[in-house]
Amino acid sequence: MEFVPTARYSFGMDIGGTKTMFLLTDLAGTVIAQRKIASRREGVDTVEHLRTEAQRFLQESGVPMDKMVGSGVGAPGLINYMDGTVLAAPGLDWVNVNLKEAFHSYLPEPIIVDNDVNMALIGEKWVGAGRDDDDVIFVAIGTGIGAALMIQGQIHRGAAGYAGEVGYVPIDPFTNAQSDVTRFGALENVASGTGIRLEVQSNMNKFGHSSLQGREIRAEDVFEAARQGDELGQYVVNKTVKYLAFALAHMIALVNPAKIILGEVSCELEIHSYSALINV
């Protein structure tokens, strides 16, 4: 007897602030099909848009529904994983959106909804960089910043399930800049994809000859400008890296992980640029 990975399949949806990824895998985790779409569509409710696109993806995959074992849905923000409710996802303007109910009968069941970074760390523990360790932190840097903590082989969720919301870590006790966290946290406002754009915009007048002048700012463009020697790009990237390194150093001191994995979850940010630049 031997294990047959293609006997059944599973569906995964990774919802990000700007992009959403659909995946179809066999039982061994091998990706059979994948598609990336925009998380929102003009004039269409976001949940309805995702339902429609997910159904189209599943139909075009050609895999019969009776061969599906279920669906995993990862979403950013604060998640009640027990009932599948997104309590707050600022990047998507969601408050108390029950995705498990919303996707009922639309996706293969059972449907499991959890924080996207928690799900990413579970995947890394299964088939990725965390396979050999039981104490691991996964930090996802994208539209926002989130972290997942694995302690003694189990996801640590905290008393209310909010553990790992590192994007809300205060960055300076002597400023009120982090006081408004209705959309993004203090660290996210300076070190995420969103933060990078905000930093470029707020410092543009200091670097009049920057190649970033007069352009729509994307995080990847800032990294490319920095690589080309642009002073504004280098200033923002160096500042971003220092904020991230500062936050990671605190996480190391508190949790003492065997490994920190830097990654991205449905975002436009070039995380490999961070990996190359951070020197902790």
Protein backbone atom coordinates (compact mmCIF):
# COMPACT_ATOMS: atom_id res chain seq x y z
CA MET A 1 0.00 0.00 0.00
CA GLU A 2 1.14 3.55 -0.63
CA PHE A 3 -0.17 7.08 -0.18
CA VAL A 4 -1.87 8.49 -3.30
CA PRO A 5 -1.59 12.32 -3.15
CA THR A 6 -3.98 12.85 -6.07
CA ALA A 7 -6.80 10.89 -4.48
CA ARG A 8 -8.23 14.13 -3.10
CA TYR A 9 -7.62 17.87 -3.43
CA SER A 10 -7.99 20.99 -1.31
CA PHE A 11 -8.73 24.63 -2.13
CA GLY A 12 -6.93 27.59 -0.60
CA MET A 13 -7.72 31.31 -0.74
CA ASP A 14 -5.21 33.88 0.52
CA ILE A 15 -6.96 37.26 0.72
CA GLY A 16 -4.73 40.32 0.77
CA GLY A 17 -5.35 44.03 0.89
CA THR A 18 -4.70 44.37 -2.84
CA LYS A 19 -4.29 40.87 -4.27
CA THR A 20 -5.89 37.47 -3.60
CA MET A 21 -4.39 34.10 -4.47
CA PHE A 22 -6.37 30.95 -5.28
CA LEU A 23 -4.65 27.59 -4.96
CA LEU A 24 -5.60 23.99 -5.65
CA THR A 25 -3.32 21.36 -4.13
CA ASP A 26 -3.21 17.61 -3.79
CA LEU A 27 -2.92 15.88 -0.42
CA ALA A 28 0.87 16.25 -0.43
CA GLY A 29 0.63 20.04 -0.81
CA THR A 30 1.70 20.05 -4.47
CA VAL A 31 0.14 23.00 -6.27
CA ILE A 32 -2.07 21.80 -9.11
CA ALA A 33 -3.45 25.17 -10.17
CA GLN A 34 -3.18 28.77 -8.99
CA ARG A 35 -4.43 32.20 -9.92
CA LYS A 36 -3.86 35.71 -8.58
CA ILE A 37 -6.61 38.31 -8.86
CA ALA A 38 -7.29 41.81 -7.57
CA SER A 39 -9.00 41.62 -4.18
CA ARG A 40 -11.56 44.22 -5.19
CA ARG A 41 -13.60 45.02 -8.25
CA GLU A 42 -15.10 48.42 -8.90
CA GLY A 43 -18.80 48.53 -8.11
CA VAL A 44 -18.94 44.97 -6.71
CA ASP A 45 -19.08 43.88 -3.08
CA THR A 46 -15.68 42.40 -2.18
CA VAL A 47 -17.06 39.15 -0.76
CA GLU A 48 -19.33 38.65 -3.77
CA HIS A 49 -16.38 39.34 -6.09
CA LEU A 50 -14.23 36.75 -4.32
CA ARG A 51 -17.03 34.17 -4.33
CA THR A 52 -17.59 34.58 -8.07
CA GLU A 53 -13.90 34.39 -8.96
CA ALA A 54 -13.30 31.40 -6.66
CA GLN A 55 -16.16 29.48 -8.25
CA ARG A 56 -14.83 30.27 -11.71
CA PHE A 57 -11.36 29.07 -10.69
CA LEU A 58 -12.72 25.81 -9.28
CA GLN A 59 -14.85 25.14 -12.35
CA GLU A 60 -11.96 25.78 -14.72
CA SER A 61 -9.67 23.48 -12.70
CA GLY A 62 -11.68 20.48 -13.85
CA VAL A 63 -11.48 18.78 -10.44
CA PRO A 64 -14.87 17.35 -9.37
CA MET A 65 -16.24 18.71 -6.11
CA ASP A 66 -16.59 15.20 -4.69
CA LYS A 67 -12.79 14.93 -4.79
CA MET A 68 -12.32 18.05 -2.66
CA VAL A 69 -11.64 17.64 1.06
CA GLY A 70 -12.28 21.26 2.05
CA SER A 71 -11.16 24.88 1.85
CA GLY A 72 -8.74 27.03 3.78
CA VAL A 73 -9.31 30.80 3.72
CA GLY A 74 -6.64 33.15 5.05
CA ALA A 75 -7.50 36.80 5.65
CA PRO A 76 -5.55 39.73 7.11
CA GLY A 77 -6.46 41.32 10.42
CA LEU A 78 -8.16 40.10 13.57
CA ILE A 79 -9.89 36.75 13.05
CA ASN A 80 -12.14 34.65 15.26
CA TYR A 81 -10.99 31.33 13.85
CA MET A 82 -13.62 29.44 15.86
CA ASP A 83 -16.54 30.82 13.86
CA GLY A 84 -14.71 32.23 10.82
CA THR A 85 -15.44 35.93 11.45
CA VAL A 86 -13.08 38.68 10.34
CA LEU A 87 -13.45 41.05 13.28
CA ALA A 88 -11.38 43.80 11.70
CA ALA A 89 -9.35 43.96 8.49
CA PRO A 90 -8.45 47.64 7.88
CA GLY A 91 -6.85 46.96 4.50
CA LEU A 92 -10.16 45.57 3.22
CA ASP A 93 -12.49 47.85 5.20
CA TRP A 94 -14.05 44.78 6.83
CA VAL A 95 -15.60 44.75 10.30
CA ASN A 96 -17.37 41.63 11.61
CA VAL A 97 -17.52 39.84 8.26
CA ASN A 98 -18.23 36.12 8.71
CA LEU A 99 -16.39 34.53 5.78
CA LYS A 100 -17.32 31.00 6.80
CA GLU A 101 -21.00 31.84 6.38
CA ALA A 102 -20.39 34.00 3.31
CA PHE A 103 -18.60 31.18 1.47
CA HIS A 104 -20.96 28.42 2.66
CA SER A 105 -22.15 26.35 -0.33
CA TYR A 106 -19.83 28.34 -2.62
CA LEU A 107 -16.59 26.57 -1.67
CA PRO A 108 -15.71 22.95 -0.86
CA GLU A 109 -16.54 22.23 2.76
CA PRO A 110 -15.52 22.18 5.56
CA ILE A 111 -14.27 25.76 5.35
CA ILE A 112 -11.54 26.87 7.76
CA VAL A 113 -10.95 30.62 8.17
CA ASP A 114 -7.92 31.96 10.00
CA ASN A 115 -5.47 34.83 10.01
CA ASP A 116 -3.42 34.62 6.81
CA VAL A 117 -0.08 34.77 8.63
CA ASN A 118 -1.05 31.96 11.00
CA MET A 119 -1.90 29.85 7.99
CA ALA A 120 1.39 30.75 6.32
CA LEU A 121 3.33 29.61 9.39
CA ILE A 122 1.41 26.33 9.52
CA GLY A 123 2.41 25.80 5.89
CA GLU A 124 6.04 26.60 6.62
CA LYS A 125 5.97 24.10 9.49
CA TRP A 126 4.54 21.42 7.22
CA VAL A 127 6.57 21.76 4.03
CA GLY A 128 8.71 24.89 4.35
CA ALA A 129 11.46 26.63 6.26
CA GLY A 130 10.00 25.77 9.69
CA ARG A 131 9.99 21.99 9.34
CA ASP A 132 12.84 21.37 11.75
CA ASP A 133 11.82 23.78 14.52
CA ASP A 134 8.98 24.02 17.04
CA ASP A 135 9.55 27.64 18.07
CA VAL A 136 9.21 29.85 15.00
CA ILE A 137 7.99 33.35 14.16
CA PHE A 138 6.66 34.21 10.71
CA VAL A 139 6.59 37.92 9.88
CA ALA A 140 4.59 38.90 6.81
CA ILE A 141 5.30 42.28 5.25
CA GLY A 142 2.87 43.54 2.66
CA THR A 143 0.10 46.10 2.59
CA GLY A 144 0.34 45.84 6.39
CA ILE A 145 2.56 43.87 8.77
CA GLY A 146 1.55 40.81 10.74
CA ALA A 147 3.25 37.99 12.59
CA ALA A 148 2.42 34.45 13.64
CA LEU A 149 3.95 32.79 16.68
CA MET A 150 4.53 29.06 16.99
CA ILE A 151 5.57 27.90 20.45
CA GLN A 152 6.34 24.24 21.10
CA GLY A 153 4.83 23.31 17.76
CA GLN A 154 1.48 25.09 18.29
CA ILE A 155 0.19 28.43 17.02
CA HIS A 156 0.06 30.85 19.95
CA ARG A 157 -3.09 32.95 19.67
CA GLY A 158 -3.19 34.80 22.98
CA ALA A 159 -6.12 35.40 25.33
CA ALA A 160 -8.41 36.92 22.69
CA GLY A 161 -6.76 35.46 19.58
CA TYR A 162 -4.88 38.61 18.63
CA ALA A 163 -1.28 37.50 19.29
CA GLY A 164 1.14 38.50 16.56
CA GLU A 165 -0.37 41.86 15.59
CA VAL A 166 3.11 43.34 15.45
CA GLY A 167 2.00 46.04 13.03
CA TYR A 168 0.46 47.84 16.01
CA VAL A 169 3.69 47.90 18.03
CA PRO A 170 4.49 51.51 19.10
CA ILE A 171 7.66 52.77 17.47
CA ASP A 172 8.37 55.85 19.58
CA PRO A 173 6.99 56.47 23.09
CA PHE A 174 7.53 60.23 22.71
CA THR A 175 5.33 60.80 19.68
CA ASN A 176 1.60 60.69 19.11
CA ALA A 177 2.06 59.44 15.55
CA GLN A 178 0.94 55.93 16.54
CA SER A 179 -2.18 57.07 18.39
CA ASP A 180 -4.53 56.76 15.40
CA VAL A 181 -4.69 53.04 14.64
CA THR A 182 -8.14 53.00 13.07
CA ARG A 183 -6.64 51.88 9.75
CA PHE A 184 -3.01 50.82 10.25
CA GLY A 185 -0.73 50.44 13.23
CA ALA A 186 2.34 52.51 14.07
CA LEU A 187 4.88 50.05 12.64
CA GLU A 188 2.78 49.46 9.52
CA ASN A 189 2.68 53.19 8.89
CA VAL A 190 6.46 53.28 8.45
CA ALA A 191 7.61 49.78 7.45
CA SER A 192 4.91 48.08 5.35
CA GLY A 193 4.18 48.55 1.66
CA THR A 194 1.71 51.22 2.73
CA GLY A 195 4.28 52.77 5.07
CA ILE A 196 6.93 52.92 2.37
CA ARG A 197 4.60 54.89 0.11
CA LEU A 198 3.68 57.23 2.96
CA GLU A 199 7.35 57.80 3.82
CA VAL A 200 8.22 58.62 0.20
CA GLN A 201 5.35 61.09 -0.05
CA SER A 202 6.21 62.83 3.23
CA ASN A 203 9.91 63.17 2.31
CA MET A 204 9.55 64.00 -1.38
CA ASN A 205 10.25 67.73 -0.90
CA LYS A 206 13.63 66.95 0.69
CA PHE A 207 14.89 65.14 -2.43
CA GLY A 208 13.97 67.31 -5.39
CA HIS A 209 16.06 65.34 -7.89
CA SER A 210 14.73 61.90 -6.97
CA SER A 211 13.66 59.63 -9.81
CA LEU A 212 10.51 58.97 -7.76
CA GLN A 213 9.27 62.52 -8.29
CA GLY A 214 5.98 62.78 -10.17
CA ARG A 215 5.28 59.04 -10.16
CA GLU A 216 2.68 56.77 -8.65
CA ILE A 217 4.61 55.24 -5.77
CA ARG A 218 4.82 51.47 -5.43
CA ALA A 219 7.00 49.71 -2.88
CA GLU A 220 8.89 47.76 -5.53
CA ASP A 221 9.73 51.01 -7.36
CA VAL A 222 11.23 52.42 -4.17
CA PHE A 223 13.47 49.38 -3.77
CA GLU A 224 14.54 49.60 -7.40
CA ALA A 225 15.30 53.31 -7.03
CA ALA A 226 17.40 52.53 -3.94
CA ARG A 227 19.35 49.89 -5.87
CA GLN A 228 20.01 52.47 -8.60
CA GLY A 229 21.44 54.91 -6.05
CA ASP A 230 18.45 57.22 -5.70
CA GLU A 231 18.89 59.14 -2.43
CA LEU A 232 15.20 59.24 -1.55
CA GLY A 233 14.82 55.52 -2.24
CA GLN A 234 17.86 54.72 -0.11
CA TYR A 235 16.69 56.98 2.70
CA VAL A 236 13.25 55.35 2.88
CA VAL A 237 14.55 51.77 2.53
CA ASN A 238 17.21 52.29 5.22
CA LYS A 239 14.66 53.84 7.57
CA THR A 240 12.19 51.01 6.90
CA VAL A 241 14.82 48.34 7.54
CA LYS A 242 15.82 49.93 10.85
CA TYR A 243 12.22 49.99 12.05
CA LEU A 244 11.78 46.34 11.07
CA ALA A 245 15.06 45.28 12.65
CA PHE A 246 14.08 47.09 15.85
CA ALA A 247 10.75 45.23 15.98
CA LEU A 248 12.37 41.86 15.19
CA ALA A 249 14.97 42.37 17.91
CA HIS A 250 12.20 42.83 20.47
CA MET A 251 10.40 39.71 19.25
CA ILE A 252 13.60 37.70 19.56
CA ALA A 253 14.13 38.92 23.13
CA LEU A 254 10.56 38.08 24.17
CA VAL A 255 9.96 34.75 22.42
CA ASN A 256 13.47 33.35 21.83
CA PRO A 257 12.52 31.61 18.57
CA ALA A 258 14.76 29.14 16.80
CA LYS A 259 13.97 30.92 13.55
CA ILE A 260 12.25 34.00 12.14
CA ILE A 261 10.83 33.61 8.66
CA LEU A 262 10.22 36.76 6.61
CA GLY A 263 7.62 36.38 3.94
CA GLU A 264 4.75 37.95 2.08
CA VAL A 265 1.07 37.08 2.04
CA SER A 266 -0.77 38.28 -1.05
CA CYS A 267 1.02 41.57 -1.40
CA GLU A 268 3.00 43.58 -3.89
CA LEU A 269 6.09 44.05 -1.75
CA GLU A 270 9.41 42.54 -2.81
CA ILE A 271 10.19 40.71 0.39
CA HIS A 272 13.45 39.40 -1.04
CA SER A 273 14.68 42.98 -1.01
CA TYR A 274 14.13 43.04 2.74
CA SER A 275 15.87 39.71 3.17
CA ALA A 276 18.93 41.06 1.41
CA LEU A 277 19.01 44.37 3.26
CA ILE A 278 18.21 43.46 6.86
CA ASN A 279 21.34 42.76 8.86
CA VAL A 280 20.38 41.89 12.42
